[in-house]
PDB file of N, CA and C in Angstrom:
ATOM      1  N   MET A   1       8.022  16.410  32.469  1.00  0.00           N
ATOM      2  CA  MET A   1       9.277  16.410  31.724  1.00  0.00           C
ATOM      3  C   MET A   1      10.442  16.269  32.710  1.00  0.00           C
ATOM      4  N   LYS A   2      11.374  15.386  32.382  1.00  0.00           N
ATOM      5  CA  LYS A   2      12.535  15.184  33.244  1.00  0.00           C
ATOM      6  C   LYS A   2      13.482  16.370  33.149  1.00  0.00           C
ATOM      7  N   GLU A   3      14.193  16.601  34.243  1.00  0.00           N
ATOM      8  CA  GLU A   3      15.161  17.692  34.299  1.00  0.00           C
ATOM      9  C   GLU A   3      16.439  17.195  34.948  1.00  0.00           C
ATOM     10  N   LEU A   4      17.468  18.003  34.824  1.00  0.00           N
ATOM     11  CA  LEU A   4      18.729  17.770  35.519  1.00  0.00           C
ATOM     12  C   LEU A   4      18.791  18.716  36.702  1.00  0.00           C
ATOM     13  N   HIS A   5      19.398  18.259  37.791  1.00  0.00           N
ATOM     14  CA  HIS A   5      19.664  19.163  38.911  1.00  0.00           C
ATOM     15  C   HIS A   5      21.125  19.577  38.787  1.00  0.00           C
ATOM     16  N   LEU A   6      21.364  20.841  38.486  1.00  0.00           N
ATOM     17  CA  LEU A   6      22.704  21.363  38.246  1.00  0.00           C
ATOM     18  C   LEU A   6      23.193  22.162  39.446  1.00  0.00           C
ATOM     19  N   LYS A   7      24.434  21.884  39.836  1.00  0.00           N
ATOM     20  CA  LYS A   7      25.087  22.666  40.889  1.00  0.00           C
ATOM     21  C   LYS A   7      26.465  23.051  40.368  1.00  0.00           C
ATOM     22  N   ILE A   8      26.728  24.360  40.284  1.00  0.00           N
ATOM     23  CA  ILE A   8      28.028  24.872  39.855  1.00  0.00           C
ATOM     24  C   ILE A   8      28.675  25.527  41.065  1.00  0.00           C
ATOM     25  N   VAL A   9      29.827  24.982  41.483  1.00  0.00           N
ATOM     26  CA  VAL A   9      30.501  25.511  42.659  1.00  0.00           C
ATOM     27  C   VAL A   9      31.916  25.947  42.305  1.00  0.00           C
ATOM     28  N   SER A  10      32.348  27.026  42.927  1.00  0.00           N
ATOM     29  CA  SER A  10      33.731  27.490  42.821  1.00  0.00           C
ATOM     30  C   SER A  10      34.327  27.372  44.214  1.00  0.00           C
ATOM     31  N   PRO A  11      35.629  27.565  44.374  1.00  0.00           N
ATOM     32  CA  PRO A  11      36.210  27.512  45.721  1.00  0.00           C
ATOM     33  C   PRO A  11      35.589  28.544  46.672  1.00  0.00           C
ATOM     34  N   GLU A  12      35.059  29.644  46.140  1.00  0.00           N
ATOM     35  CA  GLU A  12      34.521  30.710  46.982  1.00  0.00           C
ATOM     36  C   GLU A  12      33.048  30.559  47.323  1.00  0.00           C
ATOM     37  N   LYS A  13      32.232  30.041  46.357  1.00  0.00           N
ATOM     38  CA  LYS A  13      30.782  30.041  46.577  1.00  0.00           C
ATOM     39  C   LYS A  13      30.070  29.131  45.588  1.00  0.00           C
ATOM     40  N   ILE A  14      28.771  28.959  45.817  1.00  0.00           N
ATOM     41  CA  ILE A  14      27.908  28.259  44.862  1.00  0.00           C
ATOM     42  C   ILE A  14      27.483  29.285  43.815  1.00  0.00           C
ATOM     43  N   LEU A  15      27.811  29.024  42.551  1.00  0.00           N
ATOM     44  CA  LEU A  15      27.477  29.961  41.475  1.00  0.00           C
ATOM     45  C   LEU A  15      26.044  29.769  40.979  1.00  0.00           C
ATOM     46  N   PHE A  16      25.554  28.516  41.019  1.00  0.00           N
ATOM     47  CA  PHE A  16      24.177  28.229  40.596  1.00  0.00           C
ATOM     48  C   PHE A  16      23.783  26.876  41.165  1.00  0.00           C
ATOM     49  N   GLU A  17      22.516  26.774  41.551  1.00  0.00           N
ATOM     50  CA  GLU A  17      21.949  25.481  41.922  1.00  0.00           C
ATOM     51  C   GLU A  17      20.480  25.501  41.571  1.00  0.00           C
ATOM     52  N   GLY A  18      20.048  24.527  40.765  1.00  0.00           N
ATOM     53  CA  GLY A  18      18.651  24.459  40.380  1.00  0.00           C
ATOM     54  C   GLY A  18      18.418  23.453  39.271  1.00  0.00           C
ATOM     55  N   SER A  19      17.161  23.362  38.838  1.00  0.00           N
ATOM     56  CA  SER A  19      16.767  22.436  37.774  1.00  0.00           C
ATOM     57  C   SER A  19      16.974  23.080  36.415  1.00  0.00           C
ATOM     58  N   VAL A  20      17.505  22.287  35.471  1.00  0.00           N
ATOM     59  CA  VAL A  20      17.763  22.782  34.112  1.00  0.00           C
ATOM     60  C   VAL A  20      17.315  21.739  33.095  1.00  0.00           C
ATOM     61  N   GLN A  21      17.132  22.197  31.850  1.00  0.00           N
ATOM     62  CA  GLN A  21      16.735  21.315  30.756  1.00  0.00           C
ATOM     63  C   GLN A  21      17.933  20.600  30.124  1.00  0.00           C
ATOM     64  N   PHE A  22      19.056  21.319  30.004  1.00  0.00           N
ATOM     65  CA  PHE A  22      20.278  20.749  29.460  1.00  0.00           C
ATOM     66  C   PHE A  22      21.469  21.558  29.953  1.00  0.00           C
ATOM     67  N   VAL A  23      22.657  20.963  29.785  1.00  0.00           N
ATOM     68  CA  VAL A  23      23.903  21.644  30.141  1.00  0.00           C
ATOM     69  C   VAL A  23      24.907  21.374  29.025  1.00  0.00           C
ATOM     70  N   LYS A  24      25.620  22.415  28.584  1.00  0.00           N
ATOM     71  CA  LYS A  24      26.719  22.259  27.622  1.00  0.00           C
ATOM     72  C   LYS A  24      27.998  22.664  28.336  1.00  0.00           C
ATOM     73  N   LEU A  25      29.049  21.834  28.192  1.00  0.00           N
ATOM     74  CA  LEU A  25      30.271  22.016  28.972  1.00  0.00           C
ATOM     75  C   LEU A  25      31.510  22.000  28.100  1.00  0.00           C
ATOM     76  N   PRO A  26      32.559  22.730  28.525  1.00  0.00           N
ATOM     77  CA  PRO A  26      33.820  22.747  27.771  1.00  0.00           C
ATOM     78  C   PRO A  26      34.768  21.625  28.249  1.00  0.00           C
ATOM     79  N   GLY A  27      34.583  20.431  27.734  1.00  0.00           N
ATOM     80  CA  GLY A  27      35.447  19.318  28.118  1.00  0.00           C
ATOM     81  C   GLY A  27      36.861  19.492  27.584  1.00  0.00           C
ATOM     82  N   THR A  28      37.813  18.831  28.209  1.00  0.00           N
ATOM     83  CA  THR A  28      39.206  18.942  27.755  1.00  0.00           C
ATOM     84  C   THR A  28      39.401  18.311  26.379  1.00  0.00           C
ATOM     85  N   GLU A  29      38.489  17.425  25.971  1.00  0.00           N
ATOM     86  CA  GLU A  29      38.558  16.808  24.639  1.00  0.00           C
ATOM     87  C   GLU A  29      37.549  17.426  23.676  1.00  0.00           C
ATOM     88  N   GLY A  30      36.899  18.502  24.087  1.00  0.00           N
ATOM     89  CA  GLY A  30      35.903  19.179  23.254  1.00  0.00           C
ATOM     90  C   GLY A  30      34.602  19.378  24.006  1.00  0.00           C
ATOM     91  N   GLU A  31      33.731  20.225  23.461  1.00  0.00           N
ATOM     92  CA  GLU A  31      32.445  20.508  24.107  1.00  0.00           C
ATOM     93  C   GLU A  31      31.554  19.277  24.090  1.00  0.00           C
ATOM     94  N   PHE A  32      30.737  19.150  25.145  1.00  0.00           N
ATOM     95  CA  PHE A  32      29.737  18.090  25.176  1.00  0.00           C
ATOM     96  C   PHE A  32      28.509  18.583  25.923  1.00  0.00           C
ATOM     97  N   SER A  33      27.380  17.942  25.643  1.00  0.00           N
ATOM     98  CA  SER A  33      26.110  18.338  26.255  1.00  0.00           C
ATOM     99  C   SER A  33      25.529  17.187  27.056  1.00  0.00           C
ATOM    100  N   LEU A  34      24.735  17.550  28.057  1.00  0.00           N
ATOM    101  CA  LEU A  34      24.058  16.573  28.903  1.00  0.00           C
ATOM    102  C   LEU A  34      22.564  16.844  28.874  1.00  0.00           C
ATOM    103  N   LEU A  35      21.795  15.772  28.768  1.00  0.00           N
ATOM    104  CA  LEU A  35      20.346  15.827  28.855  1.00  0.00           C
ATOM    105  C   LEU A  35      19.912  14.908  29.992  1.00  0.00           C
ATOM    106  N   PRO A  36      18.660  14.995  30.444  1.00  0.00           N
ATOM    107  CA  PRO A  36      18.192  14.093  31.498  1.00  0.00           C
ATOM    108  C   PRO A  36      18.431  12.624  31.134  1.00  0.00           C
ATOM    109  N   ASP A  37      18.686  11.821  32.147  1.00  0.00           N
ATOM    110  CA  ASP A  37      18.955  10.383  32.046  1.00  0.00           C
ATOM    111  C   ASP A  37      20.292  10.065  31.394  1.00  0.00           C
ATOM    112  N   HIS A  38      21.235  11.004  31.444  1.00  0.00           N
ATOM    113  CA  HIS A  38      22.583  10.743  30.924  1.00  0.00           C
ATOM    114  C   HIS A  38      23.252   9.685  31.789  1.00  0.00           C
ATOM    115  N   ALA A  39      24.109   8.891  31.191  1.00  0.00           N
ATOM    116  CA  ALA A  39      24.858   7.870  31.922  1.00  0.00           C
ATOM    117  C   ALA A  39      25.783   8.532  32.942  1.00  0.00           C
ATOM    118  N   PRO A  40      26.116   7.827  34.022  1.00  0.00           N
ATOM    119  CA  PRO A  40      27.070   8.382  34.994  1.00  0.00           C
ATOM    120  C   PRO A  40      28.377   8.762  34.308  1.00  0.00           C
ATOM    121  N   LEU A  41      28.986   9.855  34.771  1.00  0.00           N
ATOM    122  CA  LEU A  41      30.162  10.396  34.096  1.00  0.00           C
ATOM    123  C   LEU A  41      30.991  11.222  35.075  1.00  0.00           C
ATOM    124  N   VAL A  42      32.298  11.122  34.949  1.00  0.00           N
ATOM    125  CA  VAL A  42      33.231  12.027  35.618  1.00  0.00           C
ATOM    126  C   VAL A  42      34.186  12.500  34.536  1.00  0.00           C
ATOM    127  N   SER A  43      34.405  13.806  34.431  1.00  0.00           N
ATOM    128  CA  SER A  43      35.244  14.341  33.360  1.00  0.00           C
ATOM    129  C   SER A  43      35.933  15.624  33.814  1.00  0.00           C
ATOM    130  N   SER A  44      37.050  15.918  33.186  1.00  0.00           N
ATOM    131  CA  SER A  44      37.726  17.192  33.428  1.00  0.00           C
ATOM    132  C   SER A  44      37.177  18.236  32.463  1.00  0.00           C
ATOM    133  N   LEU A  45      37.256  19.487  32.867  1.00  0.00           N
ATOM    134  CA  LEU A  45      36.769  20.599  32.054  1.00  0.00           C
ATOM    135  C   LEU A  45      37.909  21.566  31.778  1.00  0.00           C
ATOM    136  N   SER A  46      37.843  22.194  30.609  1.00  0.00           N
ATOM    137  CA  SER A  46      38.843  23.199  30.259  1.00  0.00           C
ATOM    138  C   SER A  46      38.227  24.588  30.418  1.00  0.00           C
ATOM    139  N   LYS A  47      39.026  25.609  30.172  1.00  0.00           N
ATOM    140  CA  LYS A  47      38.538  26.988  30.228  1.00  0.00           C
ATOM    141  C   LYS A  47      37.471  27.172  29.163  1.00  0.00           C
ATOM    142  N   GLY A  48      36.383  27.842  29.526  1.00  0.00           N
ATOM    143  CA  GLY A  48      35.291  28.067  28.581  1.00  0.00           C
ATOM    144  C   GLY A  48      34.042  28.498  29.320  1.00  0.00           C
ATOM    145  N   GLU A  49      32.882  28.093  28.799  1.00  0.00           N
ATOM    146  CA  GLU A  49      31.600  28.477  29.392  1.00  0.00           C
ATOM    147  C   GLU A  49      30.751  27.241  29.671  1.00  0.00           C
ATOM    148  N   VAL A  50      30.121  27.236  30.840  1.00  0.00           N
ATOM    149  CA  VAL A  50      29.061  26.277  31.132  1.00  0.00           C
ATOM    150  C   VAL A  50      27.778  26.962  30.674  1.00  0.00           C
ATOM    151  N   VAL A  51      27.048  26.324  29.786  1.00  0.00           N
ATOM    152  CA  VAL A  51      25.813  26.904  29.243  1.00  0.00           C
ATOM    153  C   VAL A  51      24.650  26.011  29.667  1.00  0.00           C
ATOM    154  N   TYR A  52      23.624  26.622  30.242  1.00  0.00           N
ATOM    155  CA  TYR A  52      22.451  25.834  30.645  1.00  0.00           C
ATOM    156  C   TYR A  52      21.184  26.614  30.363  1.00  0.00           C
ATOM    157  N   GLU A  53      20.093  25.859  30.233  1.00  0.00           N
ATOM    158  CA  GLU A  53      18.786  26.452  29.968  1.00  0.00           C
ATOM    159  C   GLU A  53      17.835  25.998  31.069  1.00  0.00           C
ATOM    160  N   VAL A  54      17.287  26.955  31.804  1.00  0.00           N
ATOM    161  CA  VAL A  54      16.393  26.637  32.908  1.00  0.00           C
ATOM    162  C   VAL A  54      15.038  26.187  32.383  1.00  0.00           C
ATOM    163  N   GLN A  55      14.571  26.835  31.319  1.00  0.00           N
ATOM    164  CA  GLN A  55      13.269  26.509  30.738  1.00  0.00           C
ATOM    165  C   GLN A  55      13.375  26.616  29.228  1.00  0.00           C
ATOM    166  N   ARG A  56      12.753  25.685  28.518  1.00  0.00           N
ATOM    167  CA  ARG A  56      12.776  25.725  27.056  1.00  0.00           C
ATOM    168  C   ARG A  56      12.230  27.062  26.561  1.00  0.00           C
ATOM    169  N   GLY A  57      12.914  27.625  25.564  1.00  0.00           N
ATOM    170  CA  GLY A  57      12.468  28.868  24.982  1.00  0.00           C
ATOM    171  C   GLY A  57      12.978  30.116  25.696  1.00  0.00           C
ATOM    172  N   ILE A  58      13.558  29.937  26.868  1.00  0.00           N
ATOM    173  CA  ILE A  58      14.147  31.060  27.608  1.00  0.00           C
ATOM    174  C   ILE A  58      15.630  31.093  27.258  1.00  0.00           C
ATOM    175  N   ASP A  59      16.203  32.278  27.168  1.00  0.00           N
ATOM    176  CA  ASP A  59      17.613  32.399  26.804  1.00  0.00           C
ATOM    177  C   ASP A  59      18.501  31.556  27.703  1.00  0.00           C
ATOM    178  N   ALA A  60      19.495  30.934  27.098  1.00  0.00           N
ATOM    179  CA  ALA A  60      20.460  30.132  27.848  1.00  0.00           C
ATOM    180  C   ALA A  60      21.351  31.038  28.697  1.00  0.00           C
ATOM    181  N   VAL A  61      21.783  30.518  29.828  1.00  0.00           N
ATOM    182  CA  VAL A  61      22.669  31.235  30.739  1.00  0.00           C
ATOM    183  C   VAL A  61      24.085  30.722  30.512  1.00  0.00           C
ATOM    184  N   LYS A  62      25.056  31.634  30.466  1.00  0.00           N
ATOM    185  CA  LYS A  62      26.457  31.273  30.239  1.00  0.00           C
ATOM    186  C   LYS A  62      27.279  31.675  31.457  1.00  0.00           C
ATOM    187  N   VAL A  63      28.023  30.695  32.002  1.00  0.00           N
ATOM    188  CA  VAL A  63      28.872  30.949  33.168  1.00  0.00           C
ATOM    189  C   VAL A  63      30.316  30.652  32.768  1.00  0.00           C
ATOM    190  N   PRO A  64      31.190  31.664  32.717  1.00  0.00           N
ATOM    191  CA  PRO A  64      32.587  31.414  32.357  1.00  0.00           C
ATOM    192  C   PRO A  64      33.319  30.680  33.483  1.00  0.00           C
ATOM    193  N   ILE A  65      34.143  29.695  33.093  1.00  0.00           N
ATOM    194  CA  ILE A  65      34.956  28.968  34.072  1.00  0.00           C
ATOM    195  C   ILE A  65      36.395  28.880  33.559  1.00  0.00           C
ATOM    196  N   GLY A  66      37.308  28.650  34.474  1.00  0.00           N
ATOM    197  CA  GLY A  66      38.721  28.520  34.115  1.00  0.00           C
ATOM    198  C   GLY A  66      39.181  27.081  34.076  1.00  0.00           C
ATOM    199  N   GLY A  67      38.245  26.135  34.054  1.00  0.00           N
ATOM    200  CA  GLY A  67      38.547  24.711  34.087  1.00  0.00           C
ATOM    201  C   GLY A  67      37.881  24.092  35.300  1.00  0.00           C
ATOM    202  N   GLY A  68      38.102  22.782  35.493  1.00  0.00           N
ATOM    203  CA  GLY A  68      37.531  22.105  36.646  1.00  0.00           C
ATOM    204  C   GLY A  68      37.163  20.675  36.333  1.00  0.00           C
ATOM    205  N   PHE A  69      36.145  20.182  37.047  1.00  0.00           N
ATOM    206  CA  PHE A  69      35.687  18.805  36.906  1.00  0.00           C
ATOM    207  C   PHE A  69      34.176  18.760  36.961  1.00  0.00           C
ATOM    208  N   ILE A  70      33.614  17.664  36.420  1.00  0.00           N
ATOM    209  CA  ILE A  70      32.170  17.455  36.464  1.00  0.00           C
ATOM    210  C   ILE A  70      31.886  16.021  36.876  1.00  0.00           C
ATOM    211  N   GLU A  71      30.803  15.863  37.640  1.00  0.00           N
ATOM    212  CA  GLU A  71      30.300  14.534  37.978  1.00  0.00           C
ATOM    213  C   GLU A  71      28.820  14.493  37.647  1.00  0.00           C
ATOM    214  N   VAL A  72      28.398  13.427  36.966  1.00  0.00           N
ATOM    215  CA  VAL A  72      26.994  13.229  36.619  1.00  0.00           C
ATOM    216  C   VAL A  72      26.570  11.888  37.196  1.00  0.00           C
ATOM    217  N   ASN A  73      25.438  11.897  37.937  1.00  0.00           N
ATOM    218  CA  ASN A  73      24.918  10.651  38.495  1.00  0.00           C
ATOM    219  C   ASN A  73      23.437  10.831  38.794  1.00  0.00           C
ATOM    220  N   LYS A  74      22.598  10.019  38.161  1.00  0.00           N
ATOM    221  CA  LYS A  74      21.142  10.022  38.409  1.00  0.00           C
ATOM    222  C   LYS A  74      20.531  11.408  38.281  1.00  0.00           C
ATOM    223  N   ASN A  75      20.782  12.061  37.159  1.00  0.00           N
ATOM    224  CA  ASN A  75      20.252  13.392  36.845  1.00  0.00           C
ATOM    225  C   ASN A  75      20.753  14.504  37.761  1.00  0.00           C
ATOM    226  N   ASN A  76      21.805  14.241  38.540  1.00  0.00           N
ATOM    227  CA  ASN A  76      22.472  15.253  39.340  1.00  0.00           C
ATOM    228  C   ASN A  76      23.806  15.582  38.676  1.00  0.00           C
ATOM    229  N   VAL A  77      23.997  16.847  38.356  1.00  0.00           N
ATOM    230  CA  VAL A  77      25.228  17.296  37.686  1.00  0.00           C
ATOM    231  C   VAL A  77      25.923  18.286  38.621  1.00  0.00           C
ATOM    232  N   THR A  78      27.154  17.943  39.003  1.00  0.00           N
ATOM    233  CA  THR A  78      27.936  18.836  39.859  1.00  0.00           C
ATOM    234  C   THR A  78      29.164  19.289  39.102  1.00  0.00           C
ATOM    235  N   VAL A  79      29.314  20.602  38.948  1.00  0.00           N
ATOM    236  CA  VAL A  79      30.469  21.196  38.288  1.00  0.00           C
ATOM    237  C   VAL A  79      31.305  21.872  39.360  1.00  0.00           C
ATOM    238  N   CYS A  80      32.548  21.410  39.495  1.00  0.00           N
ATOM    239  CA  CYS A  80      33.520  22.048  40.399  1.00  0.00           C
ATOM    240  C   CYS A  80      34.401  22.912  39.515  1.00  0.00           C
ATOM    241  N   ALA A  81      34.170  24.206  39.524  1.00  0.00           N
ATOM    242  CA  ALA A  81      34.816  25.131  38.590  1.00  0.00           C
ATOM    243  C   ALA A  81      35.926  25.921  39.253  1.00  0.00           C
ATOM    244  N   GLU A  82      36.943  26.239  38.458  1.00  0.00           N
ATOM    245  CA  GLU A  82      38.033  27.092  38.910  1.00  0.00           C
ATOM    246  C   GLU A  82      37.759  28.524  38.497  1.00  0.00           C
TER     247      GLU A  82
END
Protein backbone atom coordinates (compact mmCIF):
# COMPACT_ATOMS: atom_id res chain seq x y z
CA MET A 1 0.00 0.00 0.00
CA LYS A 2 1.33 3.44 -0.93
CA GLU A 3 1.95 5.99 1.78
CA LEU A 4 2.85 9.64 2.14
CA HIS A 5 6.03 10.77 3.86
CA LEU A 6 4.93 13.61 6.14
CA LYS A 7 7.25 16.13 7.78
CA ILE A 8 5.80 18.84 10.03
CA VAL A 9 8.32 21.50 11.02
CA SER A 10 8.05 24.61 13.17
CA PRO A 11 10.71 27.32 13.56
CA GLU A 12 11.85 25.56 16.76
CA LYS A 13 11.83 21.84 15.87
CA ILE A 14 10.51 18.94 13.82
CA LEU A 15 7.05 18.14 15.20
CA PHE A 16 6.60 14.88 13.24
CA GLU A 17 8.32 12.93 10.51
CA GLY A 18 7.16 9.58 9.20
CA SER A 19 4.89 7.61 6.87
CA VAL A 20 1.14 8.28 6.96
CA GLN A 21 -1.99 7.07 5.17
CA PHE A 22 -3.54 10.52 4.67
CA VAL A 23 -3.24 14.13 5.80
CA LYS A 24 -6.03 16.69 6.34
CA LEU A 25 -4.98 20.35 6.39
CA PRO A 26 -6.53 23.74 7.19
CA GLY A 27 -6.06 25.58 3.89
CA THR A 28 -6.71 29.32 3.67
CA GLU A 29 -9.58 28.54 1.26
CA GLY A 30 -10.92 25.65 3.37
CA GLU A 31 -9.88 22.20 4.59
CA PHE A 32 -8.39 19.73 2.14
CA SER A 33 -7.03 16.20 2.30
CA LEU A 34 -4.08 14.47 0.66
CA LEU A 35 -3.75 10.81 -0.27
CA PRO A 36 -0.81 8.98 -1.88
CA ASP A 37 -0.03 10.00 -5.49
CA HIS A 38 -1.49 13.49 -5.05
CA ALA A 39 -0.47 16.00 -7.71
CA PRO A 40 2.36 18.43 -6.83
CA LEU A 41 1.04 21.32 -4.75
CA VAL A 42 2.16 24.40 -2.85
CA SER A 43 -0.44 26.09 -0.64
CA SER A 44 -0.81 28.40 2.33
CA LEU A 45 -2.36 27.15 5.56
CA SER A 46 -4.53 28.92 8.10
CA LYS A 47 -4.83 28.40 11.85
CA GLY A 48 -6.28 24.97 12.63
CA GLU A 49 -5.19 21.34 12.92
CA VAL A 50 -3.07 19.08 10.75
CA VAL A 51 -4.71 15.66 11.06
CA TYR A 52 -2.95 12.49 9.94
CA GLU A 53 -3.35 8.75 10.32
CA VAL A 54 -0.24 6.60 10.63
CA GLN A 55 -2.12 3.32 10.17
CA ARG A 56 -5.67 2.58 9.05
CA GLY A 57 -7.96 1.92 11.99
CA ILE A 58 -5.67 3.68 14.48
CA ASP A 59 -6.87 6.99 15.92
CA ALA A 60 -5.90 10.04 13.89
CA VAL A 61 -3.30 12.41 15.34
CA LYS A 62 -4.13 16.14 15.52
CA VAL A 63 -1.40 18.80 15.56
CA PRO A 64 -2.56 22.40 16.14
CA ILE A 65 -0.87 25.04 13.97
CA GLY A 66 -1.11 28.81 13.71
CA GLY A 67 -0.82 28.85 9.91
CA GLY A 68 2.01 28.20 7.48
CA PHE A 69 2.69 26.57 4.13
CA ILE A 70 2.66 23.11 2.57
CA GLU A 71 4.56 21.54 -0.30
CA VAL A 72 3.59 18.21 -1.88
CA ASN A 73 5.84 16.44 -4.39
CA LYS A 74 6.13 12.71 -5.21
CA ASN A 75 4.38 11.51 -2.03
CA ASN A 76 6.52 13.82 0.14
CA VAL A 77 4.48 16.31 2.17
CA THR A 78 6.29 19.09 4.02
CA VAL A 79 4.32 21.35 6.36
CA CYS A 80 6.09 24.51 7.54
CA ALA A 81 3.94 25.48 10.52
CA GLU A 82 3.82 28.60 12.66
